[in-house]
């Protein structure tokens, strides 16, 4: 089974600029401001496809998934906290 990292589609800033119909400089500015999450590998940036959801939704996809998982586990966490407080 391949890890999620191997299956993650990544783009160059130039490819993202073309997809979003923006200039390459604008993409670099968005990366600099943290509006597009990118990883610098050597001298080049790679942008995971999941980080582009942030541009459109205002939510980072990974954070959204983590929040859903946290909400799902909240009842168990609250139960364990109650037990710990009774000790």
N, C-alpha and C. Protein backbone atom coordinates (compact mmCIF):
# COMPACT_ATOMS: atom_id res chain seq x y z
N UNK A 1 0.84 -1.19 0.00
CA UNK A 1 0.00 0.00 0.00
C UNK A 1 0.88 1.25 0.00
N UNK A 2 0.58 2.19 -0.87
CA UNK A 2 1.34 3.42 -0.96
C UNK A 2 0.93 4.39 0.14
N UNK A 3 1.90 5.13 0.64
CA UNK A 3 1.57 6.13 1.66
C UNK A 3 0.83 7.30 1.01
N UNK A 4 0.07 8.08 1.81
CA UNK A 4 -0.66 9.22 1.25
C UNK A 4 0.27 10.24 0.58
N UNK A 5 1.51 10.33 1.07
CA UNK A 5 2.45 11.29 0.49
C UNK A 5 2.76 10.93 -0.95
N UNK A 6 2.94 9.65 -1.22
CA UNK A 6 3.24 9.22 -2.58
C UNK A 6 2.06 9.50 -3.51
N UNK A 7 0.84 9.42 -2.99
CA UNK A 7 -0.35 9.62 -3.81
C UNK A 7 -0.75 11.09 -3.94
N UNK A 8 -0.10 11.98 -3.21
CA UNK A 8 -0.47 13.39 -3.22
C UNK A 8 -0.01 14.05 -4.51
N UNK A 9 -0.93 14.64 -5.21
CA UNK A 9 -0.62 15.39 -6.42
C UNK A 9 -0.04 16.73 -6.03
N UNK A 10 1.06 17.12 -6.66
CA UNK A 10 1.67 18.42 -6.40
C UNK A 10 1.82 19.19 -7.70
N UNK A 11 1.86 20.50 -7.55
CA UNK A 11 1.96 21.38 -8.70
C UNK A 11 3.10 22.37 -8.50
N UNK A 12 3.60 22.89 -9.59
CA UNK A 12 4.57 23.99 -9.54
C UNK A 12 3.79 25.30 -9.43
N UNK A 13 4.43 26.36 -8.97
CA UNK A 13 3.74 27.67 -8.96
C UNK A 13 3.24 28.07 -10.35
N UNK A 14 4.00 27.71 -11.38
CA UNK A 14 3.59 28.05 -12.74
C UNK A 14 2.30 27.33 -13.13
N UNK A 15 2.19 26.05 -12.75
CA UNK A 15 0.98 25.29 -13.05
C UNK A 15 -0.22 25.86 -12.30
N UNK A 16 -0.01 26.23 -11.04
CA UNK A 16 -1.10 26.81 -10.24
C UNK A 16 -1.52 28.15 -10.83
N UNK A 17 -0.55 28.94 -11.25
CA UNK A 17 -0.86 30.23 -11.87
C UNK A 17 -1.75 30.04 -13.10
N UNK A 18 -1.43 29.05 -13.90
CA UNK A 18 -2.23 28.77 -15.09
C UNK A 18 -3.63 28.31 -14.71
N UNK A 19 -3.73 27.41 -13.72
CA UNK A 19 -5.04 26.90 -13.30
C UNK A 19 -5.93 28.02 -12.75
N UNK A 20 -5.32 28.92 -11.97
CA UNK A 20 -6.11 29.98 -11.33
C UNK A 20 -6.19 31.25 -12.18
N UNK A 21 -5.56 31.23 -13.33
CA UNK A 21 -5.51 32.37 -14.24
C UNK A 21 -4.96 33.61 -13.53
N UNK A 22 -3.83 33.38 -12.86
CA UNK A 22 -3.11 34.46 -12.17
C UNK A 22 -1.68 34.46 -12.67
N UNK A 23 -0.96 35.52 -12.35
CA UNK A 23 0.44 35.55 -12.74
C UNK A 23 1.27 34.70 -11.78
N UNK A 24 2.43 34.27 -12.27
CA UNK A 24 3.33 33.50 -11.43
C UNK A 24 3.76 34.32 -10.21
N UNK A 25 3.97 35.62 -10.39
CA UNK A 25 4.36 36.48 -9.26
C UNK A 25 3.27 36.54 -8.20
N UNK A 26 2.01 36.56 -8.63
CA UNK A 26 0.90 36.56 -7.67
C UNK A 26 0.90 35.28 -6.85
N UNK A 27 1.18 34.15 -7.48
CA UNK A 27 1.24 32.88 -6.77
C UNK A 27 2.34 32.92 -5.72
N UNK A 28 3.51 33.45 -6.09
CA UNK A 28 4.60 33.56 -5.11
C UNK A 28 4.23 34.50 -3.96
N UNK A 29 3.49 35.56 -4.26
CA UNK A 29 3.02 36.46 -3.20
C UNK A 29 2.05 35.73 -2.26
N UNK A 30 1.14 34.94 -2.83
CA UNK A 30 0.18 34.17 -2.02
C UNK A 30 0.91 33.14 -1.15
N UNK A 31 1.95 32.55 -1.70
CA UNK A 31 2.76 31.61 -0.92
C UNK A 31 3.43 32.36 0.23
N UNK A 32 3.99 33.51 -0.07
CA UNK A 32 4.68 34.31 0.94
C UNK A 32 3.75 34.75 2.07
N UNK A 33 2.49 35.01 1.74
CA UNK A 33 1.51 35.42 2.76
C UNK A 33 0.85 34.23 3.46
N UNK A 34 1.16 33.03 3.01
CA UNK A 34 0.58 31.84 3.63
C UNK A 34 -0.82 31.51 3.13
N UNK A 35 -1.27 32.17 2.08
CA UNK A 35 -2.60 31.89 1.54
C UNK A 35 -2.61 30.63 0.68
N UNK A 36 -1.45 30.29 0.15
CA UNK A 36 -1.25 29.01 -0.52
C UNK A 36 -0.09 28.34 0.21
N UNK A 37 -0.33 27.13 0.68
CA UNK A 37 0.69 26.39 1.40
C UNK A 37 1.57 25.67 0.38
N UNK A 38 2.87 25.91 0.47
CA UNK A 38 3.81 25.28 -0.45
C UNK A 38 5.03 24.82 0.32
N UNK A 39 5.71 23.85 -0.22
CA UNK A 39 6.94 23.34 0.38
C UNK A 39 8.09 23.62 -0.57
N UNK A 40 9.13 24.24 -0.04
CA UNK A 40 10.30 24.52 -0.86
C UNK A 40 11.23 23.32 -0.78
N UNK A 41 11.49 22.73 -1.93
CA UNK A 41 12.39 21.59 -2.04
C UNK A 41 13.61 22.05 -2.84
N UNK A 42 14.70 22.27 -2.14
CA UNK A 42 15.86 22.85 -2.81
C UNK A 42 15.55 24.28 -3.20
N UNK A 43 15.55 24.55 -4.48
CA UNK A 43 15.29 25.91 -4.96
C UNK A 43 13.89 26.08 -5.55
N UNK A 44 13.09 25.02 -5.52
CA UNK A 44 11.76 25.09 -6.15
C UNK A 44 10.66 24.83 -5.15
N UNK A 45 9.51 25.42 -5.41
CA UNK A 45 8.32 25.19 -4.60
C UNK A 45 7.46 24.11 -5.23
N UNK A 46 6.83 23.32 -4.37
CA UNK A 46 5.81 22.38 -4.81
C UNK A 46 4.58 22.63 -3.95
N UNK A 47 3.43 22.67 -4.61
CA UNK A 47 2.17 23.00 -3.95
C UNK A 47 1.27 21.77 -4.00
N UNK A 48 0.94 21.20 -2.83
CA UNK A 48 0.03 20.05 -2.84
C UNK A 48 -1.37 20.46 -3.27
N UNK A 49 -2.03 19.58 -3.98
CA UNK A 49 -3.39 19.87 -4.46
C UNK A 49 -4.31 20.21 -3.30
N UNK A 50 -4.12 19.56 -2.14
CA UNK A 50 -5.00 19.81 -1.00
C UNK A 50 -4.88 21.24 -0.50
N UNK A 51 -3.73 21.88 -0.68
CA UNK A 51 -3.59 23.25 -0.18
C UNK A 51 -4.37 24.24 -1.05
N UNK A 52 -4.72 23.85 -2.25
CA UNK A 52 -5.49 24.76 -3.12
C UNK A 52 -6.91 24.91 -2.62
N UNK A 53 -7.40 23.96 -1.84
CA UNK A 53 -8.75 24.10 -1.29
C UNK A 53 -8.84 25.33 -0.39
N UNK A 54 -7.72 25.68 0.24
CA UNK A 54 -7.68 26.87 1.09
C UNK A 54 -8.02 28.13 0.30
N UNK A 55 -7.54 28.19 -0.91
CA UNK A 55 -7.78 29.36 -1.76
C UNK A 55 -9.28 29.56 -1.99
N UNK A 56 -10.00 28.45 -2.17
CA UNK A 56 -11.41 28.54 -2.53
C UNK A 56 -12.36 28.52 -1.34
N UNK A 57 -11.97 27.87 -0.26
CA UNK A 57 -12.89 27.72 0.86
C UNK A 57 -12.53 28.53 2.09
N UNK A 58 -11.27 28.97 2.15
CA UNK A 58 -10.81 29.65 3.35
C UNK A 58 -10.42 28.67 4.44
N UNK A 59 -10.58 27.38 4.17
CA UNK A 59 -10.20 26.35 5.13
C UNK A 59 -9.14 25.46 4.51
N UNK A 60 -8.11 25.17 5.25
CA UNK A 60 -7.12 24.22 4.78
C UNK A 60 -7.74 22.84 4.88
N UNK A 61 -7.63 22.05 3.86
CA UNK A 61 -8.26 20.74 3.81
C UNK A 61 -7.81 19.86 4.97
N UNK A 62 -6.50 19.87 5.26
CA UNK A 62 -5.99 19.04 6.36
C UNK A 62 -6.58 19.47 7.70
N UNK A 63 -6.70 20.77 7.91
CA UNK A 63 -7.28 21.26 9.16
C UNK A 63 -8.75 20.88 9.25
N UNK A 64 -9.43 20.94 8.13
CA UNK A 64 -10.84 20.56 8.11
C UNK A 64 -11.02 19.10 8.48
N UNK A 65 -10.18 18.22 7.93
CA UNK A 65 -10.25 16.80 8.27
C UNK A 65 -9.93 16.58 9.75
N UNK A 66 -8.91 17.26 10.25
CA UNK A 66 -8.53 17.11 11.66
C UNK A 66 -9.66 17.58 12.58
N UNK A 67 -10.33 18.67 12.20
CA UNK A 67 -11.43 19.17 13.01
C UNK A 67 -12.57 18.15 13.06
N UNK A 68 -12.89 17.54 11.93
CA UNK A 68 -13.93 16.51 11.89
C UNK A 68 -13.58 15.34 12.80
N UNK A 69 -12.32 14.93 12.75
CA UNK A 69 -11.86 13.80 13.58
C UNK A 69 -11.94 14.18 15.06
N UNK A 70 -11.55 15.41 15.40
CA UNK A 70 -11.64 15.88 16.78
C UNK A 70 -13.08 15.86 17.28
N UNK A 71 -13.99 16.34 16.46
CA UNK A 71 -15.40 16.37 16.85
C UNK A 71 -15.94 14.97 17.07
N UNK A 72 -15.48 14.03 16.24
CA UNK A 72 -15.92 12.65 16.36
C UNK A 72 -15.43 12.05 17.69
N UNK A 73 -14.23 12.43 18.11
CA UNK A 73 -13.63 11.89 19.34
C UNK A 73 -13.99 12.67 20.60
N UNK A 74 -14.66 13.77 20.47
CA UNK A 74 -14.96 14.63 21.61
C UNK A 74 -15.72 13.91 22.74
N UNK A 75 -16.75 13.13 22.47
CA UNK A 75 -17.44 12.44 23.57
C UNK A 75 -16.50 11.53 24.37
N UNK A 76 -15.63 10.81 23.70
CA UNK A 76 -14.68 9.94 24.38
C UNK A 76 -13.71 10.76 25.24
N UNK A 77 -13.25 11.86 24.71
CA UNK A 77 -12.32 12.73 25.44
C UNK A 77 -13.01 13.28 26.69
N UNK A 78 -14.25 13.73 26.54
CA UNK A 78 -14.98 14.27 27.69
C UNK A 78 -15.20 13.19 28.76
N UNK A 79 -15.49 11.98 28.33
CA UNK A 79 -15.68 10.87 29.27
C UNK A 79 -14.39 10.60 30.05
N UNK A 80 -13.28 10.58 29.37
CA UNK A 80 -11.99 10.33 30.02
C UNK A 80 -11.61 11.46 30.96
N UNK A 81 -11.93 12.69 30.59
CA UNK A 81 -11.66 13.83 31.47
C UNK A 81 -12.46 13.73 32.76
N UNK A 82 -13.72 13.36 32.64
CA UNK A 82 -14.57 13.20 33.82
C UNK A 82 -13.98 12.13 34.77
N UNK A 83 -13.52 11.02 34.18
CA UNK A 83 -12.93 9.95 35.00
C UNK A 83 -11.66 10.47 35.69
N UNK A 84 -10.85 11.23 34.96
CA UNK A 84 -9.59 11.72 35.53
C UNK A 84 -9.85 12.73 36.65
N UNK A 85 -10.88 13.53 36.51
CA UNK A 85 -11.19 14.54 37.53
C UNK A 85 -11.73 13.93 38.81
N UNK A 86 -12.32 12.73 38.71
CA UNK A 86 -12.84 12.04 39.88
C UNK A 86 -11.74 11.39 40.72
N UNK A 87 -10.56 11.23 40.16
CA UNK A 87 -9.45 10.56 40.88
C UNK A 87 -8.94 11.38 42.00
